[in-house]
Amino acid sequence: MTPEERHLWYDFLSSYPERFRRQEILGEYIVDFYCRKAKIVIEIDGAQHYLPDSVEYDRKRTEYFSGIGIEVIRFLNRDIKFDFNNVCAYIDKIIKQRVG
């Protein structure tokens, strides 16, 4: 895991009431974090995600997950570094909307 992934995992997701799995294999993809109950994938993106090939790859991944009812939430590394509390609040809000 990257430092940002570790931060999100150890300081929020690992103790979140709904269970998350890290580095989960879904179909032919490996996702950063997955909550089966809420059907949410959380991805933490670094600079490499802005390269043309990566943009297209991420689009196809998101399309695949949407097709099987999984919502993809993406955050930038800088979001985790500089806006961590709002990232956590947003994740909590989305999960509560999807789980009830």
PDB file of N, CA and C in Angstrom:
ATOM      1  N   MET A   1       0.848  -1.191   0.000  1.00  0.00           N
ATOM      2  CA  MET A   1       0.000   0.000   0.000  1.00  0.00           C
ATOM      3  C   MET A   1       0.890   1.250   0.000  1.00  0.00           C
ATOM      4  N   THR A   2       0.354   2.280  -0.634  1.00  0.00           N
ATOM      5  CA  THR A   2       1.043   3.568  -0.613  1.00  0.00           C
ATOM      6  C   THR A   2       0.850   4.201   0.768  1.00  0.00           C
ATOM      7  N   PRO A   3       1.632   5.239   1.092  1.00  0.00           N
ATOM      8  CA  PRO A   3       1.418   5.918   2.382  1.00  0.00           C
ATOM      9  C   PRO A   3      -0.017   6.435   2.548  1.00  0.00           C
ATOM     10  N   GLU A   4      -0.595   6.935   1.465  1.00  0.00           N
ATOM     11  CA  GLU A   4      -1.970   7.455   1.543  1.00  0.00           C
ATOM     12  C   GLU A   4      -2.972   6.327   1.770  1.00  0.00           C
ATOM     13  N   GLU A   5      -2.767   5.197   1.105  1.00  0.00           N
ATOM     14  CA  GLU A   5      -3.640   4.030   1.328  1.00  0.00           C
ATOM     15  C   GLU A   5      -3.520   3.531   2.767  1.00  0.00           C
ATOM     16  N   ARG A   6      -2.295   3.494   3.271  1.00  0.00           N
ATOM     17  CA  ARG A   6      -2.094   3.063   4.671  1.00  0.00           C
ATOM     18  C   ARG A   6      -2.819   4.002   5.632  1.00  0.00           C
ATOM     19  N   HIS A   7      -2.693   5.290   5.377  1.00  0.00           N
ATOM     20  CA  HIS A   7      -3.347   6.279   6.240  1.00  0.00           C
ATOM     21  C   HIS A   7      -4.864   6.063   6.252  1.00  0.00           C
ATOM     22  N   LEU A   8      -5.459   5.939   5.078  1.00  0.00           N
ATOM     23  CA  LEU A   8      -6.907   5.729   5.019  1.00  0.00           C
ATOM     24  C   LEU A   8      -7.290   4.411   5.687  1.00  0.00           C
ATOM     25  N   TRP A   9      -6.515   3.376   5.464  1.00  0.00           N
ATOM     26  CA  TRP A   9      -6.829   2.066   6.040  1.00  0.00           C
ATOM     27  C   TRP A   9      -6.715   2.076   7.560  1.00  0.00           C
ATOM     28  N   TYR A  10      -5.554   2.430   8.057  1.00  0.00           N
ATOM     29  CA  TYR A  10      -5.302   2.311   9.496  1.00  0.00           C
ATOM     30  C   TYR A  10      -6.013   3.370  10.326  1.00  0.00           C
ATOM     31  N   ASP A  11      -6.289   4.516   9.732  1.00  0.00           N
ATOM     32  CA  ASP A  11      -6.899   5.598  10.505  1.00  0.00           C
ATOM     33  C   ASP A  11      -8.386   5.775  10.261  1.00  0.00           C
ATOM     34  N   PHE A  12      -8.970   4.912   9.404  1.00  0.00           N
ATOM     35  CA  PHE A  12     -10.415   5.028   9.179  1.00  0.00           C
ATOM     36  C   PHE A  12     -11.076   3.704   8.789  1.00  0.00           C
ATOM     37  N   LEU A  13     -10.708   3.155   7.646  1.00  0.00           N
ATOM     38  CA  LEU A  13     -11.460   2.015   7.105  1.00  0.00           C
ATOM     39  C   LEU A  13     -11.336   0.733   7.922  1.00  0.00           C
ATOM     40  N   SER A  14     -10.190   0.479   8.516  1.00  0.00           N
ATOM     41  CA  SER A  14     -10.012  -0.787   9.242  1.00  0.00           C
ATOM     42  C   SER A  14     -10.934  -0.900  10.453  1.00  0.00           C
ATOM     43  N   SER A  15     -11.364   0.217  10.983  1.00  0.00           N
ATOM     44  CA  SER A  15     -12.264   0.183  12.143  1.00  0.00           C
ATOM     45  C   SER A  15     -13.663   0.684  11.810  1.00  0.00           C
ATOM     46  N   TYR A  16     -13.944   0.886  10.531  1.00  0.00           N
ATOM     47  CA  TYR A  16     -15.260   1.362  10.122  1.00  0.00           C
ATOM     48  C   TYR A  16     -16.297   0.260  10.398  1.00  0.00           C
ATOM     49  N   PRO A  17     -17.516   0.631  10.826  1.00  0.00           N
ATOM     50  CA  PRO A  17     -18.523  -0.392  11.159  1.00  0.00           C
ATOM     51  C   PRO A  17     -18.849  -1.367  10.028  1.00  0.00           C
ATOM     52  N   GLU A  18     -18.894  -0.898   8.784  1.00  0.00           N
ATOM     53  CA  GLU A  18     -19.088  -1.814   7.657  1.00  0.00           C
ATOM     54  C   GLU A  18     -17.712  -2.322   7.247  1.00  0.00           C
ATOM     55  N   ARG A  19     -17.613  -3.609   7.002  1.00  0.00           N
ATOM     56  CA  ARG A  19     -16.309  -4.225   6.742  1.00  0.00           C
ATOM     57  C   ARG A  19     -15.772  -3.868   5.356  1.00  0.00           C
ATOM     58  N   PHE A  20     -14.522  -3.458   5.331  1.00  0.00           N
ATOM     59  CA  PHE A  20     -13.787  -3.206   4.100  1.00  0.00           C
ATOM     60  C   PHE A  20     -12.682  -4.239   3.949  1.00  0.00           C
ATOM     61  N   ARG A  21     -12.375  -4.553   2.708  1.00  0.00           N
ATOM     62  CA  ARG A  21     -11.222  -5.404   2.393  1.00  0.00           C
ATOM     63  C   ARG A  21     -10.267  -4.569   1.561  1.00  0.00           C
ATOM     64  N   ARG A  22      -8.987  -4.778   1.750  1.00  0.00           N
ATOM     65  CA  ARG A  22      -7.999  -4.027   0.973  1.00  0.00           C
ATOM     66  C   ARG A  22      -7.351  -4.930  -0.065  1.00  0.00           C
ATOM     67  N   GLN A  23      -6.945  -4.315  -1.158  1.00  0.00           N
ATOM     68  CA  GLN A  23      -6.317  -5.039  -2.263  1.00  0.00           C
ATOM     69  C   GLN A  23      -7.162  -6.247  -2.679  1.00  0.00           C
ATOM     70  N   GLU A  24      -8.435  -6.004  -2.875  1.00  0.00           N
ATOM     71  CA  GLU A  24      -9.412  -7.049  -3.212  1.00  0.00           C
ATOM     72  C   GLU A  24      -9.436  -7.292  -4.721  1.00  0.00           C
ATOM     73  N   ILE A  25      -9.509  -8.555  -5.101  1.00  0.00           N
ATOM     74  CA  ILE A  25      -9.637  -8.924  -6.507  1.00  0.00           C
ATOM     75  C   ILE A  25     -11.120  -8.987  -6.853  1.00  0.00           C
ATOM     76  N   LEU A  26     -11.507  -8.201  -7.839  1.00  0.00           N
ATOM     77  CA  LEU A  26     -12.888  -8.186  -8.329  1.00  0.00           C
ATOM     78  C   LEU A  26     -12.827  -8.356  -9.842  1.00  0.00           C
ATOM     79  N   GLY A  27     -13.280  -9.494 -10.319  1.00  0.00           N
ATOM     80  CA  GLY A  27     -13.157  -9.776 -11.743  1.00  0.00           C
ATOM     81  C   GLY A  27     -11.690  -9.868 -12.097  1.00  0.00           C
ATOM     82  N   GLU A  28     -11.289  -9.089 -13.091  1.00  0.00           N
ATOM     83  CA  GLU A  28      -9.880  -9.097 -13.493  1.00  0.00           C
ATOM     84  C   GLU A  28      -9.096  -7.916 -12.929  1.00  0.00           C
ATOM     85  N   TYR A  29      -9.678  -7.245 -11.947  1.00  0.00           N
ATOM     86  CA  TYR A  29      -9.062  -6.052 -11.389  1.00  0.00           C
ATOM     87  C   TYR A  29      -8.740  -6.231  -9.911  1.00  0.00           C
ATOM     88  N   ILE A  30      -7.748  -5.494  -9.450  1.00  0.00           N
ATOM     89  CA  ILE A  30      -7.445  -5.401  -8.024  1.00  0.00           C
ATOM     90  C   ILE A  30      -7.779  -3.974  -7.606  1.00  0.00           C
ATOM     91  N   VAL A  31      -8.605  -3.856  -6.582  1.00  0.00           N
ATOM     92  CA  VAL A  31      -9.018  -2.525  -6.122  1.00  0.00           C
ATOM     93  C   VAL A  31      -8.333  -2.214  -4.796  1.00  0.00           C
ATOM     94  N   ASP A  32      -8.207  -0.929  -4.510  1.00  0.00           N
ATOM     95  CA  ASP A  32      -7.563  -0.529  -3.261  1.00  0.00           C
ATOM     96  C   ASP A  32      -8.387  -0.992  -2.064  1.00  0.00           C
ATOM     97  N   PHE A  33      -9.682  -0.640  -2.052  1.00  0.00           N
ATOM     98  CA  PHE A  33     -10.560  -0.999  -0.933  1.00  0.00           C
ATOM     99  C   PHE A  33     -11.945  -1.350  -1.469  1.00  0.00           C
ATOM    100  N   TYR A  34     -12.579  -2.327  -0.823  1.00  0.00           N
ATOM    101  CA  TYR A  34     -13.906  -2.762  -1.263  1.00  0.00           C
ATOM    102  C   TYR A  34     -14.779  -3.062  -0.055  1.00  0.00           C
ATOM    103  N   CYS A  35     -15.996  -2.527  -0.081  1.00  0.00           N
ATOM    104  CA  CYS A  35     -17.017  -2.838   0.920  1.00  0.00           C
ATOM    105  C   CYS A  35     -18.128  -3.589   0.210  1.00  0.00           C
ATOM    106  N   ARG A  36     -18.211  -4.873   0.476  1.00  0.00           N
ATOM    107  CA  ARG A  36     -19.195  -5.720  -0.199  1.00  0.00           C
ATOM    108  C   ARG A  36     -20.622  -5.296   0.124  1.00  0.00           C
ATOM    109  N   LYS A  37     -20.893  -5.015   1.389  1.00  0.00           N
ATOM    110  CA  LYS A  37     -22.257  -4.681   1.795  1.00  0.00           C
ATOM    111  C   LYS A  37     -22.771  -3.427   1.080  1.00  0.00           C
ATOM    112  N   ALA A  38     -21.924  -2.409   0.968  1.00  0.00           N
ATOM    113  CA  ALA A  38     -22.326  -1.163   0.313  1.00  0.00           C
ATOM    114  C   ALA A  38     -22.063  -1.188  -1.191  1.00  0.00           C
ATOM    115  N   LYS A  39     -21.340  -2.208  -1.659  1.00  0.00           N
ATOM    116  CA  LYS A  39     -20.948  -2.316  -3.063  1.00  0.00           C
ATOM    117  C   LYS A  39     -20.230  -1.041  -3.516  1.00  0.00           C
ATOM    118  N   ILE A  40     -19.155  -0.742  -2.777  1.00  0.00           N
ATOM    119  CA  ILE A  40     -18.351   0.442  -3.047  1.00  0.00           C
ATOM    120  C   ILE A  40     -16.886   0.044  -3.175  1.00  0.00           C
ATOM    121  N   VAL A  41     -16.245   0.581  -4.194  1.00  0.00           N
ATOM    122  CA  VAL A  41     -14.797   0.497  -4.365  1.00  0.00           C
ATOM    123  C   VAL A  41     -14.244   1.882  -4.082  1.00  0.00           C
ATOM    124  N   ILE A  42     -13.179   1.939  -3.301  1.00  0.00           N
ATOM    125  CA  ILE A  42     -12.489   3.204  -3.057  1.00  0.00           C
ATOM    126  C   ILE A  42     -11.097   3.082  -3.656  1.00  0.00           C
ATOM    127  N   GLU A  43     -10.758   4.034  -4.506  1.00  0.00           N
ATOM    128  CA  GLU A  43      -9.453   4.075  -5.151  1.00  0.00           C
ATOM    129  C   GLU A  43      -8.731   5.351  -4.745  1.00  0.00           C
ATOM    130  N   ILE A  44      -7.452   5.214  -4.425  1.00  0.00           N
ATOM    131  CA  ILE A  44      -6.613   6.358  -4.107  1.00  0.00           C
ATOM    132  C   ILE A  44      -5.645   6.524  -5.277  1.00  0.00           C
ATOM    133  N   ASP A  45      -5.747   7.653  -5.958  1.00  0.00           N
ATOM    134  CA  ASP A  45      -5.011   7.862  -7.205  1.00  0.00           C
ATOM    135  C   ASP A  45      -3.815   8.787  -7.033  1.00  0.00           C
ATOM    136  N   GLY A  46      -2.689   8.332  -7.550  1.00  0.00           N
ATOM    137  CA  GLY A  46      -1.489   9.151  -7.628  1.00  0.00           C
ATOM    138  C   GLY A  46      -1.371   9.779  -8.999  1.00  0.00           C
ATOM    139  N   ALA A  47      -0.258  10.418  -9.251  1.00  0.00           N
ATOM    140  CA  ALA A  47      -0.033  11.156 -10.494  1.00  0.00           C
ATOM    141  C   ALA A  47      -0.107  10.264 -11.726  1.00  0.00           C
ATOM    142  N   GLN A  48       0.261   8.994 -11.595  1.00  0.00           N
ATOM    143  CA  GLN A  48       0.260   8.088 -12.752  1.00  0.00           C
ATOM    144  C   GLN A  48      -1.135   7.924 -13.349  1.00  0.00           C
ATOM    145  N   HIS A  49      -2.170   8.222 -12.604  1.00  0.00           N
ATOM    146  CA  HIS A  49      -3.541   8.076 -13.099  1.00  0.00           C
ATOM    147  C   HIS A  49      -3.932   9.166 -14.102  1.00  0.00           C
ATOM    148  N   TYR A  50      -3.060  10.156 -14.301  1.00  0.00           N
ATOM    149  CA  TYR A  50      -3.335  11.216 -15.265  1.00  0.00           C
ATOM    150  C   TYR A  50      -2.685  10.963 -16.621  1.00  0.00           C
ATOM    151  N   LEU A  51      -1.909   9.891 -16.729  1.00  0.00           N
ATOM    152  CA  LEU A  51      -1.319   9.538 -18.021  1.00  0.00           C
ATOM    153  C   LEU A  51      -2.418   9.022 -18.941  1.00  0.00           C
ATOM    154  N   PRO A  52      -2.340   9.309 -20.238  1.00  0.00           N
ATOM    155  CA  PRO A  52      -3.421   8.926 -21.162  1.00  0.00           C
ATOM    156  C   PRO A  52      -3.838   7.450 -21.064  1.00  0.00           C
ATOM    157  N   ASP A  53      -2.887   6.539 -21.012  1.00  0.00           N
ATOM    158  CA  ASP A  53      -3.237   5.116 -20.922  1.00  0.00           C
ATOM    159  C   ASP A  53      -3.957   4.803 -19.611  1.00  0.00           C
ATOM    160  N   SER A  54      -3.526   5.446 -18.531  1.00  0.00           N
ATOM    161  CA  SER A  54      -4.145   5.203 -17.225  1.00  0.00           C
ATOM    162  C   SER A  54      -5.559   5.757 -17.162  1.00  0.00           C
ATOM    163  N   VAL A  55      -5.784   6.894 -17.775  1.00  0.00           N
ATOM    164  CA  VAL A  55      -7.123   7.493 -17.790  1.00  0.00           C
ATOM    165  C   VAL A  55      -8.098   6.531 -18.468  1.00  0.00           C
ATOM    166  N   GLU A  56      -7.702   5.973 -19.590  1.00  0.00           N
ATOM    167  CA  GLU A  56      -8.563   5.038 -20.316  1.00  0.00           C
ATOM    168  C   GLU A  56      -8.758   3.746 -19.521  1.00  0.00           C
ATOM    169  N   TYR A  57      -7.708   3.240 -18.913  1.00  0.00           N
ATOM    170  CA  TYR A  57      -7.792   2.029 -18.091  1.00  0.00           C
ATOM    171  C   TYR A  57      -8.760   2.247 -16.925  1.00  0.00           C
ATOM    172  N   ASP A  58      -8.629   3.378 -16.242  1.00  0.00           N
ATOM    173  CA  ASP A  58      -9.520   3.687 -15.119  1.00  0.00           C
ATOM    174  C   ASP A  58     -10.968   3.829 -15.585  1.00  0.00           C
ATOM    175  N   ARG A  59     -11.169   4.417 -16.765  1.00  0.00           N
ATOM    176  CA  ARG A  59     -12.527   4.555 -17.297  1.00  0.00           C
ATOM    177  C   ARG A  59     -13.149   3.189 -17.535  1.00  0.00           C
ATOM    178  N   LYS A  60     -12.385   2.269 -18.112  1.00  0.00           N
ATOM    179  CA  LYS A  60     -12.893   0.919 -18.369  1.00  0.00           C
ATOM    180  C   LYS A  60     -13.181   0.186 -17.067  1.00  0.00           C
ATOM    181  N   ARG A  61     -12.322   0.339 -16.090  1.00  0.00           N
ATOM    182  CA  ARG A  61     -12.556  -0.295 -14.777  1.00  0.00           C
ATOM    183  C   ARG A  61     -13.856   0.215 -14.158  1.00  0.00           C
ATOM    184  N   THR A  62     -14.008   1.530 -14.168  1.00  0.00           N
ATOM    185  CA  THR A  62     -15.206   2.134 -13.579  1.00  0.00           C
ATOM    186  C   THR A  62     -16.452   1.664 -14.317  1.00  0.00           C
ATOM    187  N   GLU A  63     -16.379   1.595 -15.624  1.00  0.00           N
ATOM    188  CA  GLU A  63     -17.505   1.114 -16.427  1.00  0.00           C
ATOM    189  C   GLU A  63     -17.842  -0.339 -16.065  1.00  0.00           C
ATOM    190  N   TYR A  64     -16.832  -1.170 -15.910  1.00  0.00           N
ATOM    191  CA  TYR A  64     -17.043  -2.569 -15.519  1.00  0.00           C
ATOM    192  C   TYR A  64     -17.747  -2.645 -14.165  1.00  0.00           C
ATOM    193  N   PHE A  65     -17.230  -1.923 -13.181  1.00  0.00           N
ATOM    194  CA  PHE A  65     -17.821  -1.973 -11.841  1.00  0.00           C
ATOM    195  C   PHE A  65     -19.246  -1.428 -11.832  1.00  0.00           C
ATOM    196  N   SER A  66     -19.479  -0.347 -12.561  1.00  0.00           N
ATOM    197  CA  SER A  66     -20.838   0.200 -12.643  1.00  0.00           C
ATOM    198  C   SER A  66     -21.802  -0.829 -13.220  1.00  0.00           C
ATOM    199  N   GLY A  67     -21.317  -1.585 -14.193  1.00  0.00           N
ATOM    200  CA  GLY A  67     -22.145  -2.600 -14.827  1.00  0.00           C
ATOM    201  C   GLY A  67     -22.561  -3.729 -13.904  1.00  0.00           C
ATOM    202  N   ILE A  68     -21.821  -3.924 -12.820  1.00  0.00           N
ATOM    203  CA  ILE A  68     -22.184  -4.967 -11.847  1.00  0.00           C
ATOM    204  C   ILE A  68     -22.672  -4.358 -10.531  1.00  0.00           C
ATOM    205  N   GLY A  69     -23.051  -3.075 -10.599  1.00  0.00           N
ATOM    206  CA  GLY A  69     -23.687  -2.425  -9.450  1.00  0.00           C
ATOM    207  C   GLY A  69     -22.751  -1.928  -8.371  1.00  0.00           C
ATOM    208  N   ILE A  70     -21.476  -1.777  -8.699  1.00  0.00           N
ATOM    209  CA  ILE A  70     -20.501  -1.293  -7.718  1.00  0.00           C
ATOM    210  C   ILE A  70     -20.143   0.147  -8.049  1.00  0.00           C
ATOM    211  N   GLU A  71     -20.242   1.006  -7.047  1.00  0.00           N
ATOM    212  CA  GLU A  71     -19.878   2.412  -7.220  1.00  0.00           C
ATOM    213  C   GLU A  71     -18.389   2.579  -6.924  1.00  0.00           C
ATOM    214  N   VAL A  72     -17.714   3.340  -7.763  1.00  0.00           N
ATOM    215  CA  VAL A  72     -16.295   3.628  -7.572  1.00  0.00           C
ATOM    216  C   VAL A  72     -16.154   5.054  -7.069  1.00  0.00           C
ATOM    217  N   ILE A  73     -15.458   5.198  -5.954  1.00  0.00           N
ATOM    218  CA  ILE A  73     -15.157   6.514  -5.394  1.00  0.00           C
ATOM    219  C   ILE A  73     -13.650   6.710  -5.507  1.00  0.00           C
ATOM    220  N   ARG A  74     -13.239   7.806  -6.116  1.00  0.00           N
ATOM    221  CA  ARG A  74     -11.813   8.076  -6.306  1.00  0.00           C
ATOM    222  C   ARG A  74     -11.398   9.316  -5.522  1.00  0.00           C
ATOM    223  N   PHE A  75     -10.248   9.189  -4.904  1.00  0.00           N
ATOM    224  CA  PHE A  75      -9.629  10.316  -4.217  1.00  0.00           C
ATOM    225  C   PHE A  75      -8.199  10.438  -4.715  1.00  0.00           C
ATOM    226  N   LEU A  76      -7.709  11.642  -4.718  1.00  0.00           N
ATOM    227  CA  LEU A  76      -6.314  11.885  -5.060  1.00  0.00           C
ATOM    228  C   LEU A  76      -5.459  11.718  -3.802  1.00  0.00           C
ATOM    229  N   ASN A  77      -4.203  11.412  -4.001  1.00  0.00           N
ATOM    230  CA  ASN A  77      -3.297  11.329  -2.853  1.00  0.00           C
ATOM    231  C   ASN A  77      -3.358  12.600  -2.020  1.00  0.00           C
ATOM    232  N   ARG A  78      -3.421  13.746  -2.687  1.00  0.00           N
ATOM    233  CA  ARG A  78      -3.442  15.018  -1.948  1.00  0.00           C
ATOM    234  C   ARG A  78      -4.714  15.176  -1.111  1.00  0.00           C
ATOM    235  N   ASP A  79      -5.821  14.549  -1.540  1.00  0.00           N
ATOM    236  CA  ASP A  79      -7.040  14.589  -0.726  1.00  0.00           C
ATOM    237  C   ASP A  79      -6.800  13.899   0.618  1.00  0.00           C
ATOM    238  N   ILE A  80      -6.122  12.764   0.567  1.00  0.00           N
ATOM    239  CA  ILE A  80      -5.834  12.017   1.790  1.00  0.00           C
ATOM    240  C   ILE A  80      -4.861  12.803   2.663  1.00  0.00           C
ATOM    241  N   LYS A  81      -3.867  13.416   2.058  1.00  0.00           N
ATOM    242  CA  LYS A  81      -2.851  14.163   2.813  1.00  0.00           C
ATOM    243  C   LYS A  81      -3.404  15.434   3.447  1.00  0.00           C
ATOM    244  N   PHE A  82      -4.222  16.169   2.692  1.00  0.00           N
ATOM    245  CA  PHE A  82      -4.575  17.518   3.120  1.00  0.00           C
ATOM    246  C   PHE A  82      -6.046  17.726   3.483  1.00  0.00           C
ATOM    247  N   ASP A  83      -6.905  16.739   3.223  1.00  0.00           N
ATOM    248  CA  ASP A  83      -8.335  16.903   3.500  1.00  0.00           C
ATOM    249  C   ASP A  83      -8.923  15.600   4.049  1.00  0.00           C
ATOM    250  N   PHE A  84      -8.170  14.949   4.901  1.00  0.00           N
ATOM    251  CA  PHE A  84      -8.511  13.611   5.364  1.00  0.00           C
ATOM    252  C   PHE A  84      -9.888  13.537   6.032  1.00  0.00           C
ATOM    253  N   ASN A  85     -10.202  14.468   6.880  1.00  0.00           N
ATOM    254  CA  ASN A  85     -11.494  14.422   7.588  1.00  0.00           C
ATOM    255  C   ASN A  85     -12.673  14.513   6.625  1.00  0.00           C
ATOM    256  N   ASN A  86     -12.561  15.342   5.604  1.00  0.00           N
ATOM    257  CA  ASN A  86     -13.647  15.434   4.624  1.00  0.00           C
ATOM    258  C   ASN A  86     -13.736  14.188   3.758  1.00  0.00           C
ATOM    259  N   VAL A  87     -12.602  13.574   3.454  1.00  0.00           N
ATOM    260  CA  VAL A  87     -12.613  12.300   2.727  1.00  0.00           C
ATOM    261  C   VAL A  87     -13.389  11.260   3.528  1.00  0.00           C
ATOM    262  N   CYS A  88     -13.075  11.152   4.806  1.00  0.00           N
ATOM    263  CA  CYS A  88     -13.753  10.175   5.674  1.00  0.00           C
ATOM    264  C   CYS A  88     -15.246  10.471   5.793  1.00  0.00           C
ATOM    265  N   ALA A  89     -15.578  11.731   5.931  1.00  0.00           N
ATOM    266  CA  ALA A  89     -16.990  12.118   6.026  1.00  0.00           C
ATOM    267  C   ALA A  89     -17.738  11.768   4.745  1.00  0.00           C
ATOM    268  N   TYR A  90     -17.104  11.975   3.601  1.00  0.00           N
ATOM    269  CA  TYR A  90     -17.737  11.655   2.323  1.00  0.00           C
ATOM    270  C   TYR A  90     -17.946  10.145   2.186  1.00  0.00           C
ATOM    271  N   ILE A  91     -16.945   9.363   2.522  1.00  0.00           N
ATOM    272  CA  ILE A  91     -17.080   7.901   2.476  1.00  0.00           C
ATOM    273  C   ILE A  91     -18.221   7.460   3.375  1.00  0.00           C
ATOM    274  N   ASP A  92     -18.263   7.979   4.578  1.00  0.00           N
ATOM    275  CA  ASP A  92     -19.321   7.630   5.533  1.00  0.00           C
ATOM    276  C   ASP A  92     -20.699   7.974   4.964  1.00  0.00           C
ATOM    277  N   LYS A  93     -20.821   9.142   4.375  1.00  0.00           N
ATOM    278  CA  LYS A  93     -22.100   9.577   3.789  1.00  0.00           C
ATOM    279  C   LYS A  93     -22.550   8.627   2.682  1.00  0.00           C
ATOM    280  N   ILE A  94     -21.653   8.284   1.767  1.00  0.00           N
ATOM    281  CA  ILE A  94     -22.000   7.409   0.638  1.00  0.00           C
ATOM    282  C   ILE A  94     -22.380   6.016   1.133  1.00  0.00           C
ATOM    283  N   ILE A  95     -21.634   5.497   2.081  1.00  0.00           N
ATOM    284  CA  ILE A  95     -21.947   4.156   2.593  1.00  0.00           C
ATOM    285  C   ILE A  95     -23.314   4.155   3.264  1.00  0.00           C
ATOM    286  N   LYS A  96     -23.599   5.148   4.056  1.00  0.00           N
ATOM    287  CA  LYS A  96     -24.900   5.218   4.727  1.00  0.00           C
ATOM    288  C   LYS A  96     -26.032   5.336   3.725  1.00  0.00           C
ATOM    289  N   GLN A  97     -25.826   6.028   2.610  1.00  0.00           N
ATOM    290  CA  GLN A  97     -26.843   6.121   1.570  1.00  0.00           C
ATOM    291  C   GLN A  97     -27.080   4.759   0.913  1.00  0.00           C
ATOM    292  N   ARG A  98     -26.012   3.998   0.711  1.00  0.00           N
ATOM    293  CA  ARG A  98     -26.133   2.725   0.002  1.00  0.00           C
ATOM    294  C   ARG A  98     -26.573   1.577   0.894  1.00  0.00           C
ATOM    295  N   VAL A  99     -26.234   1.646   2.172  1.00  0.00           N
ATOM    296  CA  VAL A  99     -26.577   0.547   3.084  1.00  0.00           C
ATOM    297  C   VAL A  99     -27.878   0.848   3.828  1.00  0.00           C
ATOM    298  N   GLY A 100     -28.078   2.099   4.136  1.00  0.00           N
ATOM    299  CA  GLY A 100     -29.311   2.478   4.829  1.00  0.00           C
ATOM    300  C   GLY A 100     -29.137   2.711   6.283  1.00  0.00           C
TER     301      GLY A 100
END
